[in-house]
Structures are given as structure tokens and as C-alpha cells.
Amino acid sequence: MTTELYWLTLTVLMTALFWVPYILDRLAVRGVWPALSDTRPEGGGPHSLWAQRAIRAHQNAVENLAIFVPAVLIAHVLAVSTPATRMAVVVYFFARLVHFLVYTAGIPVGRTLAFAVGWAAQIVILISILGWL
């Protein structure tokens, strides 16, 4: 497995686990049965403020997978693997982790910076595919 695919897999796994903290909050705030039987939309019931932010951070992480996953897979199919792409996938993983944590904690400047770093990592992969780097 290439470095890019390894970190892609870790990123997808991490994103798949981002729901766990806010579901635990939901169970604590609402109680087990009300949380399990609730028919309202995802953000439709009471949550702690941090859990509301975690829901939005998770949604943002999923939205960004729509760019990151195809970029890494295109690079893989085209056999584009450079020091820049290998570094970019690692940076992206940690930028998204930091983004989730600081967004959930309510740290606005950290959230923006982490998002920007993750975005820049995506751009590095894309311009590498295009041969511009």
C-alpha cells in the first residue's frame, strides 16, 4: 500500500469515527431511549454546545472527503507519488483532526487555520497530478 493510500484510509476511518463523541453526548443529554427513538433530523434535538459544533465539524470533514478522496485516488491511478504528495496526505490527516478538535472546542482562529492547512494539502495533491509541482 502506498503512503497516500495508507493515509487516505486513516483519514476515512477517522472521519467515520467523528460521530461517536456527539452521539455519546446525545445519550447523556436526552437519555438512552429518547436518543435511540428520536425521529427528528440529525440536529433536531437538544445537544451540548460542544456537540452541536462537533456535528458541524463532522459534516465539514465529510464534505472535504469529496475533494480529498478522488484527488488521492486519481494520483494513485496515474502513479503520481512524490515527496510533496506523501507529505500532503499526512498534513491533511492531522489538519482535519485538529480542525475537528478545535471546532468542537469552539476555538475559531484555530479552526480556520486548520481548515486552511487541510485545503492547502488538497491543492498540493491536485497540482502534483497536473504536473505543476
N, C-alpha and C. Protein backbone atom coordinates (compact mmCIF):
# COMPACT_ATOMS: atom_id res chain seq x y z
N MET A 1 0.85 -1.18 0.00
CA MET A 1 0.00 0.00 0.00
C MET A 1 0.89 1.24 0.00
N THR A 2 0.55 2.20 -0.84
CA THR A 2 1.34 3.43 -0.90
C THR A 2 1.07 4.29 0.34
N THR A 3 1.97 5.22 0.57
CA THR A 3 1.79 6.18 1.67
C THR A 3 0.48 6.94 1.51
N GLU A 4 0.19 7.35 0.28
CA GLU A 4 -1.02 8.12 0.03
C GLU A 4 -2.28 7.31 0.35
N LEU A 5 -2.31 6.05 -0.07
CA LEU A 5 -3.48 5.22 0.21
C LEU A 5 -3.59 4.89 1.69
N TYR A 6 -2.46 4.70 2.35
CA TYR A 6 -2.47 4.43 3.79
C TYR A 6 -3.11 5.61 4.54
N TRP A 7 -2.65 6.82 4.25
CA TRP A 7 -3.17 7.99 4.96
C TRP A 7 -4.60 8.33 4.51
N LEU A 8 -4.94 8.01 3.29
CA LEU A 8 -6.32 8.15 2.86
C LEU A 8 -7.22 7.25 3.70
N THR A 9 -6.79 6.02 3.87
CA THR A 9 -7.57 5.06 4.67
C THR A 9 -7.72 5.54 6.11
N LEU A 10 -6.63 6.03 6.69
CA LEU A 10 -6.70 6.55 8.06
C LEU A 10 -7.64 7.76 8.14
N THR A 11 -7.61 8.60 7.13
CA THR A 11 -8.47 9.78 7.12
C THR A 11 -9.94 9.39 7.04
N VAL A 12 -10.25 8.42 6.19
CA VAL A 12 -11.63 7.95 6.07
C VAL A 12 -12.07 7.30 7.38
N LEU A 13 -11.20 6.51 7.98
CA LEU A 13 -11.53 5.88 9.27
C LEU A 13 -11.78 6.95 10.34
N MET A 14 -10.90 7.93 10.42
CA MET A 14 -11.06 8.99 11.41
C MET A 14 -12.39 9.71 11.20
N THR A 15 -12.70 10.05 9.96
CA THR A 15 -13.95 10.75 9.67
C THR A 15 -15.15 9.87 10.04
N ALA A 16 -15.01 8.58 9.82
CA ALA A 16 -16.09 7.65 10.16
C ALA A 16 -16.32 7.57 11.66
N LEU A 17 -15.34 7.95 12.45
CA LEU A 17 -15.46 7.89 13.92
C LEU A 17 -15.86 9.23 14.55
N PHE A 18 -15.88 10.30 13.77
CA PHE A 18 -16.18 11.62 14.32
C PHE A 18 -17.58 11.73 14.91
N TRP A 19 -18.49 10.86 14.56
CA TRP A 19 -19.84 10.92 15.11
C TRP A 19 -19.92 10.42 16.55
N VAL A 20 -18.96 9.62 16.98
CA VAL A 20 -19.05 8.98 18.29
C VAL A 20 -19.18 9.97 19.44
N PRO A 21 -18.36 11.02 19.53
CA PRO A 21 -18.50 11.93 20.68
C PRO A 21 -19.87 12.59 20.78
N TYR A 22 -20.43 13.04 19.65
CA TYR A 22 -21.71 13.73 19.78
C TYR A 22 -22.88 12.77 20.00
N ILE A 23 -22.73 11.52 19.60
CA ILE A 23 -23.77 10.54 19.92
C ILE A 23 -23.72 10.21 21.41
N LEU A 24 -22.53 10.13 21.97
CA LEU A 24 -22.42 9.92 23.42
C LEU A 24 -23.04 11.09 24.18
N ASP A 25 -22.83 12.31 23.68
CA ASP A 25 -23.47 13.48 24.28
C ASP A 25 -24.98 13.36 24.18
N ARG A 26 -25.46 12.96 23.03
CA ARG A 26 -26.90 12.81 22.84
C ARG A 26 -27.49 11.83 23.84
N LEU A 27 -26.80 10.72 24.05
CA LEU A 27 -27.26 9.73 25.03
C LEU A 27 -27.27 10.32 26.43
N ALA A 28 -26.25 11.11 26.77
CA ALA A 28 -26.17 11.72 28.09
C ALA A 28 -27.22 12.81 28.28
N VAL A 29 -27.43 13.64 27.26
CA VAL A 29 -28.35 14.78 27.38
C VAL A 29 -29.81 14.32 27.33
N ARG A 30 -30.11 13.42 26.42
CA ARG A 30 -31.51 13.02 26.21
C ARG A 30 -31.91 11.77 26.97
N GLY A 31 -30.94 10.93 27.30
CA GLY A 31 -31.24 9.62 27.84
C GLY A 31 -31.18 8.59 26.73
N VAL A 32 -30.97 7.35 27.10
CA VAL A 32 -30.74 6.31 26.10
C VAL A 32 -31.97 6.11 25.21
N TRP A 33 -33.13 5.82 25.81
CA TRP A 33 -34.29 5.52 24.96
C TRP A 33 -34.73 6.72 24.13
N PRO A 34 -34.85 7.92 24.69
CA PRO A 34 -35.22 9.06 23.85
C PRO A 34 -34.22 9.32 22.71
N ALA A 35 -32.95 9.11 22.97
CA ALA A 35 -31.94 9.31 21.91
C ALA A 35 -32.08 8.27 20.82
N LEU A 36 -32.34 7.03 21.21
CA LEU A 36 -32.45 5.95 20.23
C LEU A 36 -33.76 6.00 19.44
N SER A 37 -34.81 6.52 20.04
CA SER A 37 -36.12 6.50 19.37
C SER A 37 -36.48 7.83 18.71
N ASP A 38 -35.60 8.80 18.78
CA ASP A 38 -35.87 10.13 18.23
C ASP A 38 -36.01 10.07 16.70
N THR A 39 -37.05 10.68 16.17
CA THR A 39 -37.27 10.68 14.72
C THR A 39 -36.97 12.04 14.09
N ARG A 40 -36.50 12.99 14.89
CA ARG A 40 -36.17 14.31 14.34
C ARG A 40 -34.89 14.22 13.51
N PRO A 41 -34.69 15.21 12.61
CA PRO A 41 -33.44 15.25 11.83
C PRO A 41 -32.23 15.33 12.76
N GLU A 42 -31.07 15.06 12.20
CA GLU A 42 -29.81 14.96 12.97
C GLU A 42 -29.62 16.08 13.99
N GLY A 43 -29.80 17.31 13.61
CA GLY A 43 -29.57 18.42 14.54
C GLY A 43 -30.84 18.84 15.25
N GLY A 44 -31.88 18.02 15.23
CA GLY A 44 -33.19 18.44 15.69
C GLY A 44 -33.48 18.36 17.17
N GLY A 45 -32.61 17.85 17.96
CA GLY A 45 -32.90 17.75 19.39
C GLY A 45 -31.82 18.40 20.21
N PRO A 46 -32.00 18.38 21.52
CA PRO A 46 -31.01 19.03 22.37
C PRO A 46 -29.66 18.33 22.36
N HIS A 47 -28.63 19.15 22.30
CA HIS A 47 -27.24 18.70 22.40
C HIS A 47 -26.50 19.74 23.23
N SER A 48 -25.40 19.34 23.81
CA SER A 48 -24.50 20.32 24.41
C SER A 48 -23.95 21.19 23.29
N LEU A 49 -23.51 22.41 23.64
CA LEU A 49 -22.96 23.30 22.62
C LEU A 49 -21.77 22.68 21.90
N TRP A 50 -20.88 22.02 22.65
CA TRP A 50 -19.72 21.41 22.01
C TRP A 50 -20.16 20.33 21.04
N ALA A 51 -21.23 19.60 21.37
CA ALA A 51 -21.70 18.53 20.49
C ALA A 51 -22.32 19.11 19.22
N GLN A 52 -22.98 20.26 19.33
CA GLN A 52 -23.51 20.92 18.14
C GLN A 52 -22.36 21.30 17.20
N ARG A 53 -21.27 21.79 17.79
CA ARG A 53 -20.10 22.12 16.96
C ARG A 53 -19.47 20.86 16.38
N ALA A 54 -19.45 19.77 17.15
CA ALA A 54 -18.88 18.50 16.65
C ALA A 54 -19.68 17.98 15.46
N ILE A 55 -20.99 18.14 15.50
CA ILE A 55 -21.83 17.73 14.37
C ILE A 55 -21.43 18.51 13.12
N ARG A 56 -21.27 19.82 13.26
CA ARG A 56 -20.89 20.64 12.11
C ARG A 56 -19.47 20.32 11.64
N ALA A 57 -18.57 20.05 12.58
CA ALA A 57 -17.20 19.69 12.20
C ALA A 57 -17.18 18.37 11.44
N HIS A 58 -18.01 17.43 11.88
CA HIS A 58 -18.10 16.14 11.19
C HIS A 58 -18.65 16.34 9.78
N GLN A 59 -19.69 17.15 9.64
CA GLN A 59 -20.26 17.43 8.32
C GLN A 59 -19.20 18.05 7.40
N ASN A 60 -18.42 18.98 7.95
CA ASN A 60 -17.37 19.63 7.18
C ASN A 60 -16.32 18.62 6.74
N ALA A 61 -15.97 17.70 7.63
CA ALA A 61 -14.98 16.67 7.30
C ALA A 61 -15.49 15.78 6.17
N VAL A 62 -16.76 15.41 6.22
CA VAL A 62 -17.34 14.58 5.17
C VAL A 62 -17.36 15.35 3.85
N GLU A 63 -17.74 16.62 3.89
CA GLU A 63 -17.75 17.43 2.68
C GLU A 63 -16.36 17.51 2.04
N ASN A 64 -15.34 17.61 2.86
CA ASN A 64 -13.98 17.71 2.33
C ASN A 64 -13.45 16.39 1.81
N LEU A 65 -14.01 15.27 2.29
CA LEU A 65 -13.63 13.98 1.70
C LEU A 65 -13.99 13.92 0.22
N ALA A 66 -15.03 14.67 -0.16
CA ALA A 66 -15.45 14.68 -1.56
C ALA A 66 -14.37 15.26 -2.48
N ILE A 67 -13.44 15.99 -1.93
CA ILE A 67 -12.30 16.52 -2.70
C ILE A 67 -11.07 15.64 -2.48
N PHE A 68 -10.81 15.30 -1.23
CA PHE A 68 -9.59 14.58 -0.87
C PHE A 68 -9.54 13.17 -1.46
N VAL A 69 -10.61 12.42 -1.32
CA VAL A 69 -10.61 11.02 -1.78
C VAL A 69 -10.35 10.91 -3.28
N PRO A 70 -11.12 11.62 -4.13
CA PRO A 70 -10.82 11.49 -5.56
C PRO A 70 -9.44 11.99 -5.92
N ALA A 71 -8.96 13.04 -5.25
CA ALA A 71 -7.61 13.55 -5.56
C ALA A 71 -6.56 12.47 -5.30
N VAL A 72 -6.66 11.81 -4.15
CA VAL A 72 -5.68 10.77 -3.82
C VAL A 72 -5.83 9.58 -4.77
N LEU A 73 -7.05 9.21 -5.09
CA LEU A 73 -7.26 8.07 -5.99
C LEU A 73 -6.80 8.38 -7.41
N ILE A 74 -7.02 9.60 -7.88
CA ILE A 74 -6.52 9.99 -9.21
C ILE A 74 -5.00 9.92 -9.22
N ALA A 75 -4.38 10.46 -8.17
CA ALA A 75 -2.91 10.40 -8.08
C ALA A 75 -2.43 8.95 -8.11
N HIS A 76 -3.14 8.08 -7.40
CA HIS A 76 -2.74 6.67 -7.35
C HIS A 76 -2.87 6.02 -8.74
N VAL A 77 -3.99 6.24 -9.40
CA VAL A 77 -4.23 5.64 -10.72
C VAL A 77 -3.19 6.13 -11.72
N LEU A 78 -2.80 7.39 -11.61
CA LEU A 78 -1.81 7.96 -12.53
C LEU A 78 -0.37 7.74 -12.06
N ALA A 79 -0.21 7.02 -10.95
CA ALA A 79 1.12 6.74 -10.38
C ALA A 79 1.88 8.02 -10.04
N VAL A 80 1.14 9.00 -9.54
CA VAL A 80 1.76 10.24 -9.08
C VAL A 80 1.98 10.10 -7.58
N SER A 81 3.21 9.89 -7.21
CA SER A 81 3.59 9.79 -5.80
C SER A 81 4.94 10.48 -5.65
N THR A 82 4.92 11.61 -5.01
CA THR A 82 6.13 12.41 -4.84
C THR A 82 6.30 12.72 -3.36
N PRO A 83 7.44 13.25 -2.98
CA PRO A 83 7.57 13.69 -1.58
C PRO A 83 6.46 14.69 -1.20
N ALA A 84 6.06 15.53 -2.14
CA ALA A 84 5.01 16.52 -1.86
C ALA A 84 3.66 15.85 -1.61
N THR A 85 3.30 14.84 -2.43
CA THR A 85 2.01 14.18 -2.23
C THR A 85 2.02 13.34 -0.96
N ARG A 86 3.15 12.71 -0.68
CA ARG A 86 3.25 11.92 0.55
C ARG A 86 3.14 12.80 1.78
N MET A 87 3.76 13.96 1.73
CA MET A 87 3.66 14.89 2.86
C MET A 87 2.24 15.46 2.95
N ALA A 88 1.64 15.76 1.82
CA ALA A 88 0.31 16.38 1.80
C ALA A 88 -0.75 15.49 2.44
N VAL A 89 -0.70 14.19 2.21
CA VAL A 89 -1.73 13.32 2.80
C VAL A 89 -1.58 13.24 4.32
N VAL A 90 -0.35 13.27 4.80
CA VAL A 90 -0.12 13.26 6.26
C VAL A 90 -0.58 14.58 6.86
N VAL A 91 -0.21 15.68 6.21
CA VAL A 91 -0.62 17.00 6.68
C VAL A 91 -2.14 17.11 6.68
N TYR A 92 -2.78 16.61 5.63
CA TYR A 92 -4.24 16.66 5.55
C TYR A 92 -4.87 15.92 6.73
N PHE A 93 -4.38 14.72 7.01
CA PHE A 93 -4.93 13.94 8.12
C PHE A 93 -4.89 14.75 9.42
N PHE A 94 -3.72 15.28 9.75
CA PHE A 94 -3.58 15.99 11.02
C PHE A 94 -4.31 17.33 11.00
N ALA A 95 -4.38 17.98 9.87
CA ALA A 95 -5.14 19.23 9.77
C ALA A 95 -6.62 18.97 10.04
N ARG A 96 -7.15 17.88 9.49
CA ARG A 96 -8.56 17.55 9.71
C ARG A 96 -8.81 17.13 11.16
N LEU A 97 -7.87 16.42 11.76
CA LEU A 97 -8.00 16.07 13.17
C LEU A 97 -8.02 17.32 14.03
N VAL A 98 -7.06 18.21 13.80
CA VAL A 98 -7.01 19.46 14.56
C VAL A 98 -8.28 20.28 14.30
N HIS A 99 -8.74 20.33 13.05
CA HIS A 99 -9.96 21.07 12.73
C HIS A 99 -11.13 20.55 13.55
N PHE A 100 -11.30 19.24 13.61
CA PHE A 100 -12.41 18.67 14.37
C PHE A 100 -12.28 19.04 15.85
N LEU A 101 -11.09 18.92 16.39
CA LEU A 101 -10.90 19.19 17.82
C LEU A 101 -11.10 20.66 18.17
N VAL A 102 -10.53 21.56 17.37
CA VAL A 102 -10.67 22.98 17.72
C VAL A 102 -12.07 23.50 17.38
N TYR A 103 -12.70 22.97 16.35
CA TYR A 103 -14.08 23.34 16.04
C TYR A 103 -14.97 22.90 17.20
N THR A 104 -14.82 21.67 17.65
CA THR A 104 -15.61 21.14 18.75
C THR A 104 -15.37 21.95 20.03
N ALA A 105 -14.14 22.35 20.25
CA ALA A 105 -13.80 23.14 21.44
C ALA A 105 -14.22 24.60 21.32
N GLY A 106 -14.59 25.03 20.13
CA GLY A 106 -15.03 26.41 19.93
C GLY A 106 -13.90 27.41 19.82
N ILE A 107 -12.79 27.00 19.19
CA ILE A 107 -11.64 27.87 19.00
C ILE A 107 -11.66 28.36 17.55
N PRO A 108 -12.22 29.56 17.30
CA PRO A 108 -12.45 29.99 15.92
C PRO A 108 -11.19 30.19 15.09
N VAL A 109 -10.16 30.81 15.59
CA VAL A 109 -8.96 31.05 14.79
C VAL A 109 -8.27 29.72 14.47
N GLY A 110 -8.17 28.85 15.43
CA GLY A 110 -7.57 27.53 15.21
C GLY A 110 -8.34 26.74 14.18
N ARG A 111 -9.64 26.85 14.23
CA ARG A 111 -10.49 26.14 13.27
C ARG A 111 -10.19 26.62 11.85
N THR A 112 -10.12 27.91 11.67
CA THR A 112 -9.85 28.47 10.34
C THR A 112 -8.47 28.09 9.83
N LEU A 113 -7.48 28.18 10.71
CA LEU A 113 -6.12 27.82 10.32
C LEU A 113 -6.02 26.35 9.94
N ALA A 114 -6.63 25.49 10.74
CA ALA A 114 -6.58 24.05 10.45
C ALA A 114 -7.28 23.75 9.13
N PHE A 115 -8.41 24.41 8.89
CA PHE A 115 -9.11 24.23 7.61
C PHE A 115 -8.22 24.64 6.45
N ALA A 116 -7.57 25.80 6.59
CA ALA A 116 -6.72 26.32 5.51
C ALA A 116 -5.54 25.39 5.23
N VAL A 117 -4.96 24.81 6.26
CA VAL A 117 -3.86 23.86 6.08
C VAL A 117 -4.35 22.62 5.33
N GLY A 118 -5.51 22.11 5.71
CA GLY A 118 -6.07 20.95 5.01
C GLY A 118 -6.39 21.26 3.56
N TRP A 119 -6.94 22.46 3.31
CA TRP A 119 -7.22 22.88 1.94
C TRP A 119 -5.93 22.95 1.13
N ALA A 120 -4.89 23.54 1.73
CA ALA A 120 -3.60 23.65 1.02
C ALA A 120 -3.04 22.27 0.69
N ALA A 121 -3.21 21.32 1.58
CA ALA A 121 -2.73 19.95 1.32
C ALA A 121 -3.47 19.35 0.12
N GLN A 122 -4.77 19.60 0.03
CA GLN A 122 -5.53 19.13 -1.13
C GLN A 122 -5.00 19.75 -2.42
N ILE A 123 -4.71 21.03 -2.37
CA ILE A 123 -4.22 21.74 -3.55
C ILE A 123 -2.86 21.18 -3.98
N VAL A 124 -2.01 20.85 -3.01
CA VAL A 124 -0.70 20.25 -3.34
C VAL A 124 -0.89 18.95 -4.11
N ILE A 125 -1.82 18.13 -3.67
CA ILE A 125 -2.07 16.86 -4.36
C ILE A 125 -2.58 17.14 -5.78
N LEU A 126 -3.52 18.05 -5.90
CA LEU A 126 -4.12 18.34 -7.21
C LEU A 126 -3.11 18.95 -8.18
N ILE A 127 -2.28 19.88 -7.71
CA ILE A 127 -1.31 20.46 -8.65
C ILE A 127 -0.19 19.48 -8.96
N SER A 128 0.05 18.53 -8.07
CA SER A 128 1.00 17.47 -8.39
C SER A 128 0.47 16.58 -9.50
N ILE A 129 -0.81 16.27 -9.45
CA ILE A 129 -1.44 15.47 -10.51
C ILE A 129 -1.31 16.19 -11.85
N LEU A 130 -1.49 17.49 -11.83
CA LEU A 130 -1.42 18.28 -13.07
C LEU A 130 0.01 18.52 -13.53
N GLY A 131 0.97 18.10 -12.72
CA GLY A 131 2.37 18.26 -13.08
C GLY A 131 2.89 19.67 -12.87
N TRP A 132 2.20 20.46 -12.08
CA TRP A 132 2.59 21.83 -11.83
C TRP A 132 3.52 21.96 -10.63
N LEU A 133 3.79 20.86 -9.96
CA LEU A 133 4.67 20.89 -8.79
C LEU A 133 5.71 19.81 -8.93
